[in-house]
Amino acid sequence: MAKEMVAEDLLKQLGVEASNAGACTGKWIDTDGPELISYNPTDGQPLASVRQAKIADYERVIGAAQDAFRDWRMLPAPQRGEIVRQLGDELRAHKEPLGRLVSLEMGKILSEGLGEVQEMIDICDFAVGLSRQLYGLTMHSERAQHRMYEQWHPLGPIGIITAFNFPVAVWAWNAAIAAVCGDSMIWKPSSKTPLTAVAVQQIANRVMQRNNLSGVFNLVIGRGSEVGEALLADRRVPLISATGSCRMGVRIAEVVGKRLGRSLLELGGNNAVIVMDDADQELALRACTFGAVGTAGQRCTSTRRLILQKGIAADFTERMVKAYGRVNIGDPLDPATLMGPLIDDGARDDMMNALQKVREQGGEILCGGNKIDRPGFFVEPTIVRAHEGMEIVREETFAPLVYIFEVETLDEALALHNDVPQGLSSSIFTTNLISAETFLSHRGSDCGIANVNVGTSGAEIGGAFGGEKDTGGGRESGSDSWKIYMRRQTNTLNWGSEMPLAQGVEFDL
């Protein structure tokens, strides 16, 4: 069956009508905006198309989000949690077709596509519990018969900008938590994966319609130079949560910061794994291979660098090269496939350009390094023996390209590990308690995520996800990351008959 027929069938299973409008407020908005074609990265052929929103369409969406926010914020948080619970159940009912659509449009293997939808379900479950735990603190006042406390209020309509590599899960990280916090939202998905966004919006529409609600979950598909810039500059949107490249993050921070808005940035990663001589090599091998090859190296948390202690470096490198030879590359919907294509030809060119710099800077390609001569955007997963002077190593190449270094000591490994601009995810494999605790200490990893005997890729939703330095400093998903979607208010209540001032100040009229 042709891939475009597969896409049409999956969209029908997900309840998506023939309408190809690219904006939605609970009801789809007809627009005559430019056509956006979604291409299948497995063969480079068109899957389907949508009409992109124009500024007038965006204004309708933001207006609906504002109107919905006024009512949505007044629902008790546990009632908002009940709506999100229903969203999770609707995703459960459509996990199979939505997971397949993710794999078809983005190119990740089927188990990862299904896993991404499961991540959406998990964050809905998390948010339901969170809806009864949006807690503030009580503080003791220095003034007699006074009480001080803090509370958290809904923030307002928020903007969610997502990347192609996790086309639906990262939306859910933001949307489920923002919804229980009392916010409405406007979602601008990647232009490379519009079909999955349309499908998710339709799932959310059904849930809201059953509850006589609309305008909480909104979608706008459009050009970044037009709709994207309007969203960033819009004072009606107090928070922009964005996932993407460091370059994109700089632009967002500038525009949003200029209007003193909030930005939650999840940007690039240049993630490293340190493997010590005493490590369980079999454990490390599995983690490093998936970390570097999973999603064709197109995760923010993909393993980009391996820092090996010299005692095991030669043997571990040899085992990695052999493991790469067993990676089955092909159609992501085939259960036997372990690595699908890159998202498009531009991503493949980026990898080839990086490898040209590797050669110019004295790196040695140990395996891979080539385009695969077949339809679609396939490449060979690649291992490079690198040295510290290679500037290309400091850049994130969004592809299955990993650099190997050898070091003598843990201190040397840590210095090399932290010597990149990005700071997202990191790992050490060791059976030595001192090495593990050193890696997790103040002088260890400088990343937002630091793991011991766990790879860099595959974060759970219960922990706050995000990184430091050029990664942007944002935190999404678990822990107390809900606070970014709310505004804090400190309250002082005088239940006495006197009016004492703080710090003993006297002011008698």
Protein backbone atom coordinates (compact mmCIF):
# COMPACT_ATOMS: atom_id res chain seq x y z
CA MET A 1 0.00 0.00 0.00
CA ALA A 2 1.32 3.47 -0.90
CA LYS A 3 2.44 5.51 2.07
CA GLU A 4 -0.03 8.29 1.28
CA MET A 5 -2.82 5.70 1.52
CA VAL A 6 -1.41 4.52 4.84
CA ALA A 7 -1.42 8.11 6.11
CA GLU A 8 -5.01 8.63 4.94
CA ASP A 9 -6.12 5.43 6.64
CA LEU A 10 -4.38 6.33 9.91
CA LEU A 11 -5.91 9.80 9.91
CA LYS A 12 -9.36 8.28 9.40
CA GLN A 13 -8.76 5.92 12.33
CA LEU A 14 -7.86 8.97 14.41
CA GLY A 15 -11.09 10.71 13.45
CA VAL A 16 -9.52 13.37 11.25
CA GLU A 17 -11.97 14.61 8.62
CA ALA A 18 -11.08 15.58 5.08
CA SER A 19 -10.58 19.18 6.21
CA ASN A 20 -6.95 20.21 5.86
CA ALA A 21 -7.19 23.48 7.78
CA GLY A 22 -4.09 24.39 9.75
CA ALA A 23 -5.74 26.28 12.61
CA CYS A 24 -8.18 25.12 15.27
CA THR A 25 -9.91 26.55 18.34
CA GLY A 26 -11.95 23.40 19.00
CA LYS A 27 -13.45 23.86 15.55
CA TRP A 28 -11.33 23.90 12.42
CA ILE A 29 -10.83 27.26 10.76
CA ASP A 30 -11.06 27.36 6.98
CA THR A 31 -8.13 29.27 5.54
CA ASP A 32 -6.74 30.00 2.11
CA GLY A 33 -3.17 30.12 3.43
CA PRO A 34 -0.29 28.49 1.56
CA GLU A 35 -0.17 24.72 1.26
CA LEU A 36 2.22 22.80 3.51
CA ILE A 37 3.13 19.31 2.31
CA SER A 38 4.19 16.62 4.75
CA TYR A 39 6.81 14.32 3.25
CA ASN A 40 7.52 10.74 4.21
CA PRO A 41 11.22 10.55 5.20
CA THR A 42 11.30 6.85 4.32
CA ASP A 43 10.83 7.48 0.59
CA GLY A 44 10.71 11.26 0.20
CA GLN A 45 7.18 11.16 -1.20
CA PRO A 46 4.25 13.39 -0.12
CA LEU A 47 1.94 12.01 2.56
CA ALA A 48 -0.70 14.74 2.75
CA SER A 49 -0.96 18.50 3.00
CA VAL A 50 -2.53 21.16 5.20
CA ARG A 51 -3.30 24.81 4.66
CA GLN A 52 -1.13 27.08 6.78
CA ALA A 53 -2.68 29.71 8.99
CA LYS A 54 -2.31 33.38 8.20
CA ILE A 55 -2.17 36.28 10.65
CA ALA A 56 -5.95 36.68 10.57
CA ASP A 57 -6.30 33.01 11.50
CA TYR A 58 -3.79 33.43 14.30
CA GLU A 59 -5.83 36.32 15.69
CA ARG A 60 -8.90 34.11 15.81
CA VAL A 61 -6.93 31.45 17.66
CA ILE A 62 -5.46 33.80 20.26
CA GLY A 63 -8.90 35.38 20.76
CA ALA A 64 -10.41 31.97 21.44
CA ALA A 65 -7.58 31.10 23.83
CA GLN A 66 -8.13 34.33 25.76
CA ASP A 67 -11.87 33.77 26.03
CA ALA A 68 -11.45 30.15 27.12
CA PHE A 69 -8.86 31.09 29.75
CA ARG A 70 -11.33 33.33 31.60
CA ASP A 71 -13.69 30.40 32.18
CA TRP A 72 -11.17 27.54 32.36
CA ARG A 73 -9.21 29.16 35.20
CA MET A 74 -12.38 29.28 37.31
CA LEU A 75 -12.92 25.50 37.19
CA PRO A 76 -11.46 23.88 40.32
CA ALA A 77 -8.13 22.29 39.51
CA PRO A 78 -9.35 18.72 40.22
CA GLN A 79 -12.13 19.27 37.68
CA ARG A 80 -9.54 20.40 35.16
CA GLY A 81 -7.64 17.24 36.06
CA GLU A 82 -10.70 15.18 35.21
CA ILE A 83 -10.69 16.62 31.68
CA VAL A 84 -7.02 15.75 31.31
CA ARG A 85 -7.79 12.23 32.58
CA GLN A 86 -10.27 11.88 29.74
CA LEU A 87 -7.62 13.12 27.31
CA GLY A 88 -5.30 10.38 28.54
CA ASP A 89 -8.02 7.78 28.03
CA GLU A 90 -8.68 9.03 24.49
CA LEU A 91 -4.97 8.72 23.75
CA ARG A 92 -5.00 5.17 25.14
CA ALA A 93 -7.83 4.30 22.78
CA HIS A 94 -5.88 5.64 19.80
CA LYS A 95 -2.34 4.70 20.79
CA GLU A 96 -1.78 2.28 17.90
CA PRO A 97 -2.80 4.49 14.95
CA LEU A 98 -1.27 7.63 16.46
CA GLY A 99 2.00 5.83 17.19
CA ARG A 100 2.08 4.55 13.61
CA LEU A 101 1.41 8.03 12.27
CA VAL A 102 4.31 9.39 14.34
CA SER A 103 6.62 6.74 12.87
CA LEU A 104 5.34 7.31 9.36
CA GLU A 105 5.67 11.09 9.36
CA MET A 106 8.77 11.52 11.56
CA GLY A 107 10.69 8.33 10.70
CA LYS A 108 11.35 6.89 14.17
CA ILE A 109 10.87 3.14 14.52
CA LEU A 110 7.44 1.85 15.49
CA SER A 111 8.31 0.97 19.09
CA GLU A 112 9.51 4.55 19.56
CA GLY A 113 6.39 5.95 17.89
CA LEU A 114 4.20 3.92 20.23
CA GLY A 115 6.46 4.86 23.13
CA GLU A 116 5.97 8.53 22.35
CA VAL A 117 2.19 8.16 22.63
CA GLN A 118 2.66 6.23 25.87
CA GLU A 119 4.65 9.21 27.12
CA MET A 120 1.62 11.39 26.40
CA ILE A 121 -0.59 9.01 28.37
CA ASP A 122 1.87 8.96 31.26
CA ILE A 123 2.05 12.75 31.51
CA CYS A 124 -1.75 12.94 31.53
CA ASP A 125 -1.78 10.51 34.47
CA PHE A 126 0.88 12.61 36.20
CA ALA A 127 -1.08 15.81 35.61
CA VAL A 128 -4.29 14.31 37.03
CA GLY A 129 -2.56 13.68 40.36
CA LEU A 130 -0.87 17.07 40.16
CA SER A 131 -4.26 18.78 39.89
CA ARG A 132 -4.76 18.10 43.63
CA GLN A 133 -1.25 19.22 44.59
CA LEU A 134 -0.81 22.78 43.31
CA TYR A 135 0.36 23.75 46.74
CA GLY A 136 1.67 26.95 48.32
CA LEU A 137 3.59 27.54 51.55
CA THR A 138 2.56 29.12 54.85
CA MET A 139 5.13 31.39 56.54
CA HIS A 140 5.23 32.84 60.06
CA SER A 141 4.77 36.60 60.18
CA GLU A 142 6.92 38.80 62.43
CA ARG A 143 3.79 40.83 63.19
CA ALA A 144 1.28 39.70 65.80
CA GLN A 145 -2.09 38.44 64.51
CA HIS A 146 -0.87 38.29 60.93
CA ARG A 147 -0.72 35.30 58.63
CA MET A 148 1.48 34.98 55.55
CA TYR A 149 1.13 32.44 52.82
CA GLU A 150 1.62 32.02 49.08
CA GLN A 151 -0.70 30.71 46.43
CA TRP A 152 -0.43 29.93 42.74
CA HIS A 153 -2.78 31.28 40.08
CA PRO A 154 -3.23 30.34 36.40
CA LEU A 155 -0.87 32.30 34.17
CA GLY A 156 -2.82 32.80 30.96
CA PRO A 157 -2.75 31.56 27.36
CA ILE A 158 0.65 29.99 26.74
CA GLY A 159 2.48 29.30 23.49
CA ILE A 160 3.88 25.83 22.82
CA ILE A 161 6.42 25.45 20.01
CA THR A 162 7.49 21.86 19.33
CA ALA A 163 10.17 20.23 17.20
CA PHE A 164 9.84 17.45 14.64
CA ASN A 165 11.74 14.79 16.60
CA PHE A 166 9.07 14.42 19.30
CA PRO A 167 6.09 15.77 17.39
CA VAL A 168 3.43 14.92 20.00
CA ALA A 169 5.02 13.99 23.34
CA VAL A 170 6.57 17.38 24.06
CA TRP A 171 3.23 19.06 23.36
CA ALA A 172 1.67 16.78 25.96
CA TRP A 173 4.43 17.56 28.50
CA ASN A 174 3.36 21.18 28.31
CA ALA A 175 -0.34 20.89 27.51
CA ALA A 176 -1.38 18.41 30.20
CA ILE A 177 0.35 20.31 32.99
CA ALA A 178 -0.64 23.76 31.71
CA ALA A 179 -4.25 22.60 31.48
CA VAL A 180 -4.48 21.45 35.10
CA CYS A 181 -2.78 24.70 36.11
CA GLY A 182 -5.69 26.56 34.53
CA ASP A 183 -4.06 27.82 31.34
CA SER A 184 -5.28 27.72 27.77
CA MET A 185 -2.68 27.25 25.04
CA ILE A 186 -1.71 27.81 21.42
CA TRP A 187 0.35 25.05 19.82
CA LYS A 188 2.64 25.78 16.89
CA PRO A 189 4.08 22.42 15.78
CA SER A 190 7.03 21.79 13.49
CA SER A 191 6.25 22.35 9.83
CA LYS A 192 7.94 19.01 9.17
CA THR A 193 5.33 17.04 11.12
CA PRO A 194 1.93 18.74 10.72
CA LEU A 195 -0.17 15.57 10.35
CA THR A 196 0.54 14.26 13.83
CA ALA A 197 -0.39 17.69 15.23
CA VAL A 198 -3.70 17.69 13.37
CA ALA A 199 -4.45 14.19 14.68
CA VAL A 200 -3.69 15.13 18.30
CA GLN A 201 -5.75 18.31 18.03
CA GLN A 202 -8.70 16.27 16.78
CA ILE A 203 -8.34 13.89 19.76
CA ALA A 204 -8.35 16.87 22.13
CA ASN A 205 -11.34 18.37 20.31
CA ARG A 206 -13.44 15.27 20.95
CA VAL A 207 -12.67 15.32 24.66
CA MET A 208 -13.52 18.99 24.98
CA GLN A 209 -16.72 18.70 22.94
CA ARG A 210 -17.98 15.93 25.22
CA ASN A 211 -17.54 18.38 28.10
CA ASN A 212 -19.08 21.37 26.28
CA LEU A 213 -15.75 23.17 26.27
CA SER A 214 -13.55 24.72 23.59
CA GLY A 215 -10.62 27.07 23.16
CA VAL A 216 -8.38 25.48 25.81
CA PHE A 217 -6.32 23.40 23.37
CA ASN A 218 -5.65 25.39 20.19
CA LEU A 219 -3.53 24.71 17.12
CA VAL A 220 -1.93 27.02 14.58
CA ILE A 221 0.22 25.61 11.77
CA GLY A 222 2.05 28.35 9.92
CA ARG A 223 5.30 29.87 8.81
CA GLY A 224 7.73 30.77 11.54
CA SER A 225 8.48 34.09 9.89
CA GLU A 226 4.81 35.03 10.07
CA VAL A 227 2.74 33.12 12.63
CA GLY A 228 5.75 32.11 14.73
CA GLU A 229 7.03 35.67 15.09
CA ALA A 230 3.54 36.90 15.93
CA LEU A 231 3.27 34.34 18.72
CA LEU A 232 6.67 35.28 20.16
CA ALA A 233 5.93 39.00 20.21
CA ASP A 234 2.37 38.70 21.52
CA ARG A 235 1.97 40.29 24.97
CA ARG A 236 -1.25 38.32 25.40
CA VAL A 237 0.90 35.16 25.68
CA PRO A 238 2.82 35.37 28.98
CA LEU A 239 4.85 32.18 28.44
CA ILE A 240 6.48 30.66 25.38
CA SER A 241 7.62 27.06 25.85
CA ALA A 242 9.85 26.09 22.93
CA THR A 243 11.84 23.04 21.94
CA GLY A 244 14.40 23.28 19.16
CA SER A 245 17.90 24.35 18.24
CA CYS A 246 20.11 26.70 20.25
CA ARG A 247 19.96 29.19 17.38
CA MET A 248 16.17 29.18 17.52
CA GLY A 249 16.29 29.57 21.30
CA VAL A 250 18.41 32.71 21.06
CA ARG A 251 15.81 34.29 18.79
CA ILE A 252 12.95 33.32 21.11
CA ALA A 253 14.77 34.62 24.19
CA GLU A 254 15.42 37.95 22.47
CA VAL A 255 11.85 38.55 21.31
CA VAL A 256 10.10 37.26 24.43
CA GLY A 257 12.61 38.91 26.76
CA LYS A 258 12.16 42.26 25.04
CA ARG A 259 8.51 42.25 26.10
CA LEU A 260 9.46 40.85 29.55
CA GLY A 261 7.61 37.61 28.92
CA ARG A 262 8.62 34.21 30.19
CA SER A 263 10.35 31.61 28.05
CA LEU A 264 10.84 27.92 28.81
CA LEU A 265 13.62 26.74 26.48
CA GLU A 266 14.58 23.15 25.73
CA LEU A 267 17.40 23.46 23.22
CA GLY A 268 20.35 21.48 21.88
CA GLY A 269 22.31 18.75 23.61
CA ASN A 270 25.86 17.50 23.12
CA ASN A 271 25.50 14.58 25.46
CA ALA A 272 28.39 12.42 26.61
CA VAL A 273 28.78 9.05 28.28
CA ILE A 274 31.86 8.33 30.39
CA VAL A 275 32.76 4.63 30.55
CA MET A 276 35.27 3.76 33.27
CA ASP A 277 37.56 0.72 33.39
CA ASP A 278 35.41 -0.86 36.11
CA ALA A 279 32.12 -0.45 34.19
CA ASP A 280 29.77 -3.26 33.25
CA GLN A 281 30.68 -3.10 29.57
CA GLU A 282 27.67 -5.05 28.35
CA LEU A 283 25.35 -2.63 30.12
CA ALA A 284 27.25 0.36 28.74
CA LEU A 285 27.31 -1.06 25.21
CA ARG A 286 23.54 -1.40 25.02
CA ALA A 287 22.96 2.07 26.43
CA CYS A 288 25.53 3.77 24.21
CA THR A 289 24.32 2.06 21.05
CA PHE A 290 20.69 3.01 21.61
CA GLY A 291 21.70 6.48 22.77
CA ALA A 292 23.63 7.13 19.56
CA VAL A 293 21.46 5.26 17.04
CA GLY A 294 17.93 5.52 18.48
CA THR A 295 15.68 7.88 16.52
CA ALA A 296 18.57 8.03 14.02
CA GLY A 297 20.41 10.28 16.46
CA GLN A 298 17.64 12.88 16.34
CA ARG A 299 16.88 13.15 20.04
CA CYS A 300 17.94 16.13 22.11
CA THR A 301 19.34 13.51 24.49
CA SER A 302 21.10 11.39 21.85
CA THR A 303 24.62 10.30 22.79
CA ARG A 304 27.07 12.45 20.82
CA ARG A 305 30.33 11.70 22.65
CA LEU A 306 31.83 8.61 24.30
CA ILE A 307 34.64 9.25 26.77
CA LEU A 308 36.39 5.95 27.44
CA GLN A 309 39.02 5.20 30.06
CA LYS A 310 42.05 3.75 28.31
CA GLY A 311 41.94 0.37 30.01
CA ILE A 312 38.75 -0.59 28.17
CA ALA A 313 38.81 1.88 25.27
CA ALA A 314 40.13 -0.40 22.51
CA ASP A 315 37.88 -3.34 23.40
CA PHE A 316 34.79 -1.17 23.90
CA THR A 317 35.34 0.67 20.62
CA GLU A 318 35.66 -2.64 18.77
CA ARG A 319 32.44 -3.89 20.34
CA MET A 320 30.64 -0.68 19.37
CA VAL A 321 31.74 -1.01 15.75
CA LYS A 322 30.49 -4.60 15.67
CA ALA A 323 27.19 -3.58 17.26
CA TYR A 324 26.70 -0.93 14.57
CA GLY A 325 27.11 -3.63 11.96
CA ARG A 326 24.05 -5.38 13.42
CA VAL A 327 21.78 -2.32 13.24
CA ASN A 328 19.00 -3.04 10.77
CA ILE A 329 18.26 0.17 8.82
CA GLY A 330 15.03 0.55 6.89
CA ASP A 331 11.29 1.21 6.98
CA PRO A 332 10.44 2.40 10.50
CA LEU A 333 7.09 0.59 10.37
CA ASP A 334 8.86 -2.76 9.90
CA PRO A 335 9.21 -4.37 13.36
CA ALA A 336 12.68 -5.66 12.40
CA THR A 337 14.03 -2.14 11.81
CA LEU A 338 16.25 -0.58 14.48
CA MET A 339 17.01 2.71 12.73
CA GLY A 340 14.88 4.67 10.32
CA PRO A 341 15.73 7.68 8.15
CA LEU A 342 16.69 11.23 8.99
CA ILE A 343 13.83 13.71 8.74
CA ASP A 344 14.83 15.23 5.39
CA ASP A 345 17.64 15.82 2.92
CA GLY A 346 18.79 18.92 4.80
CA ALA A 347 19.46 16.79 7.90
CA ARG A 348 21.41 14.32 5.79
CA ASP A 349 23.47 17.14 4.27
CA ASP A 350 24.21 18.47 7.77
CA MET A 351 25.64 15.10 8.73
CA MET A 352 27.76 14.89 5.57
CA ASN A 353 29.06 18.42 6.15
CA ALA A 354 29.99 17.53 9.73
CA LEU A 355 31.88 14.48 8.50
CA GLN A 356 33.78 16.62 6.01
CA LYS A 357 34.89 18.79 8.94
CA VAL A 358 35.85 15.62 10.82
CA ARG A 359 38.23 14.71 8.00
CA GLU A 360 39.62 18.23 7.81
CA GLN A 361 40.19 18.35 11.57
CA GLY A 362 41.99 15.02 11.81
CA GLY A 363 39.26 12.65 12.98
CA GLU A 364 39.17 9.00 11.95
CA ILE A 365 35.91 7.48 10.72
CA LEU A 366 35.78 3.96 12.18
CA CYS A 367 32.52 2.88 10.57
CA GLY A 368 29.67 4.38 8.56
CA GLY A 369 29.95 7.90 7.22
CA ASN A 370 27.92 7.54 4.04
CA LYS A 371 24.50 8.19 2.61
CA ILE A 372 22.60 5.01 1.81
CA ASP A 373 21.68 4.76 -1.86
CA ARG A 374 17.94 4.14 -1.62
CA PRO A 375 14.78 6.27 -1.62
CA GLY A 376 14.35 8.38 1.47
CA PHE A 377 16.85 10.08 3.74
CA PHE A 378 18.92 7.20 5.08
CA VAL A 379 22.49 7.31 6.36
CA GLU A 380 24.91 4.86 7.92
CA PRO A 381 25.31 5.28 11.69
CA THR A 382 28.83 6.55 12.21
CA ILE A 383 31.58 6.28 14.82
CA VAL A 384 34.51 8.71 14.75
CA ARG A 385 37.75 8.51 16.73
CA ALA A 386 38.23 12.11 17.83
CA HIS A 387 40.75 14.29 19.63
CA GLU A 388 40.28 17.36 21.83
CA GLY A 389 41.32 19.86 19.17
CA MET A 390 38.37 19.07 16.88
CA GLU A 391 36.02 22.05 16.90
CA ILE A 392 33.23 20.08 15.20
CA VAL A 393 32.88 18.05 18.40
CA ARG A 394 31.61 21.15 20.21
CA GLU A 395 28.65 21.38 17.83
CA GLU A 396 25.48 19.30 17.91
CA THR A 397 24.95 17.32 14.71
CA PHE A 398 21.40 15.98 14.74
CA ALA A 399 22.23 12.59 13.25
CA PRO A 400 23.60 9.14 14.24
CA LEU A 401 27.17 10.44 14.64
CA VAL A 402 29.16 9.71 17.80
CA TYR A 403 32.71 10.77 18.70
CA ILE A 404 35.01 8.56 20.79
CA PHE A 405 37.73 9.94 23.10
CA GLU A 406 40.22 8.16 25.34
CA VAL A 407 41.25 9.47 28.77
CA GLU A 408 43.44 8.33 31.65
CA THR A 409 41.53 9.55 34.71
CA LEU A 410 38.07 10.54 35.88
CA ASP A 411 39.19 14.15 36.34
CA GLU A 412 40.36 14.23 32.72
CA ALA A 413 37.05 12.71 31.63
CA LEU A 414 35.03 15.30 33.54
CA ALA A 415 37.01 18.21 32.12
CA LEU A 416 36.45 16.90 28.59
CA HIS A 417 32.81 16.13 29.33
CA ASN A 418 31.99 19.67 30.48
CA ASP A 419 34.01 21.44 27.77
CA VAL A 420 31.08 22.01 25.38
CA PRO A 421 28.53 24.85 25.23
CA GLN A 422 25.51 22.57 25.74
CA GLY A 423 24.44 20.96 29.01
CA LEU A 424 21.44 18.66 28.65
CA SER A 425 22.04 14.98 29.47
CA SER A 426 25.03 13.00 30.72
CA SER A 427 25.96 9.55 31.99
CA ILE A 428 28.74 7.60 33.64
CA PHE A 429 29.12 3.84 33.68
CA THR A 430 31.06 2.65 36.69
CA THR A 431 30.80 0.20 39.59
CA ASN A 432 32.92 2.48 41.80
CA LEU A 433 30.83 4.41 44.33
CA ILE A 434 33.37 7.25 44.57
CA SER A 435 33.41 7.73 40.79
CA ALA A 436 29.61 7.71 40.65
CA GLU A 437 29.22 10.23 43.47
CA THR A 438 31.96 12.44 42.02
CA PHE A 439 30.10 12.53 38.70
CA LEU A 440 26.92 13.63 40.52
CA SER A 441 28.70 16.18 42.73
CA HIS A 442 29.29 19.91 42.29
CA ARG A 443 32.51 19.23 40.41
CA GLY A 444 30.99 16.53 38.24
CA SER A 445 28.56 16.79 35.33
CA ASP A 446 27.35 20.31 34.57
CA CYS A 447 24.22 19.04 32.81
CA GLY A 448 20.59 19.23 33.84
CA ILE A 449 20.38 15.42 33.69
CA ALA A 450 23.12 13.21 35.12
CA ASN A 451 22.77 9.42 35.19
CA VAL A 452 24.79 6.55 36.62
CA ASN A 453 24.70 3.24 34.71
CA VAL A 454 21.84 4.63 32.61
CA GLY A 455 22.27 6.10 29.12
CA THR A 456 21.71 9.72 28.15
CA SER A 457 18.48 9.02 26.29
CA GLY A 458 15.09 7.94 27.58
CA ALA A 459 13.96 10.30 30.36
CA GLU A 460 10.92 9.43 32.47
CA ILE A 461 8.12 11.96 32.89
CA GLY A 462 8.32 12.03 36.71
CA GLY A 463 11.58 13.98 36.77
CA ALA A 464 12.04 17.56 35.60
CA PHE A 465 13.52 17.49 32.09
CA GLY A 466 15.91 20.15 30.84
CA GLY A 467 19.47 21.41 30.74
CA GLU A 468 21.91 24.19 31.47
CA LYS A 469 24.18 26.52 29.46
CA ASP A 470 23.18 26.75 25.79
CA THR A 471 20.45 24.15 26.38
CA GLY A 472 18.38 27.02 27.75
CA GLY A 473 17.81 26.30 31.43
CA GLY A 474 14.17 25.23 31.06
CA ARG A 475 12.46 22.39 32.93
CA GLU A 476 9.42 20.48 31.70
CA SER A 477 7.40 17.44 32.72
CA GLY A 478 7.82 16.23 36.31
CA SER A 479 8.86 17.42 39.76
CA ASP A 480 7.79 21.05 40.36
CA SER A 481 8.06 22.20 36.76
CA TRP A 482 4.35 23.06 36.96
CA LYS A 483 5.31 26.35 38.60
CA ILE A 484 6.46 27.88 35.31
CA TYR A 485 2.84 27.67 34.05
CA MET A 486 1.47 29.63 37.03
CA ARG A 487 2.03 32.95 38.75
CA ARG A 488 3.04 33.10 42.40
CA GLN A 489 1.25 35.42 44.80
CA THR A 490 2.35 36.19 48.38
CA ASN A 491 -0.51 37.04 50.72
CA THR A 492 -0.52 38.71 54.13
CA LEU A 493 -3.69 38.68 56.20
CA ASN A 494 -4.17 40.84 59.29
CA TRP A 495 -6.78 39.35 61.60
CA GLY A 496 -6.08 41.73 64.51
CA SER A 497 -7.10 45.29 65.39
CA GLU A 498 -3.64 46.87 65.16
CA MET A 499 -1.62 47.98 62.10
CA PRO A 500 2.03 47.17 62.91
CA LEU A 501 4.57 47.69 60.12
CA ALA A 502 7.29 45.21 59.25
CA GLN A 503 10.86 45.71 60.47
CA GLY A 504 9.58 47.78 63.39
CA VAL A 505 8.91 50.85 61.26
CA GLU A 506 6.73 53.44 62.99
CA PHE A 507 4.45 55.85 61.14
CA ASP A 508 1.95 57.54 63.44
CA LEU A 509 -0.31 60.20 62.05
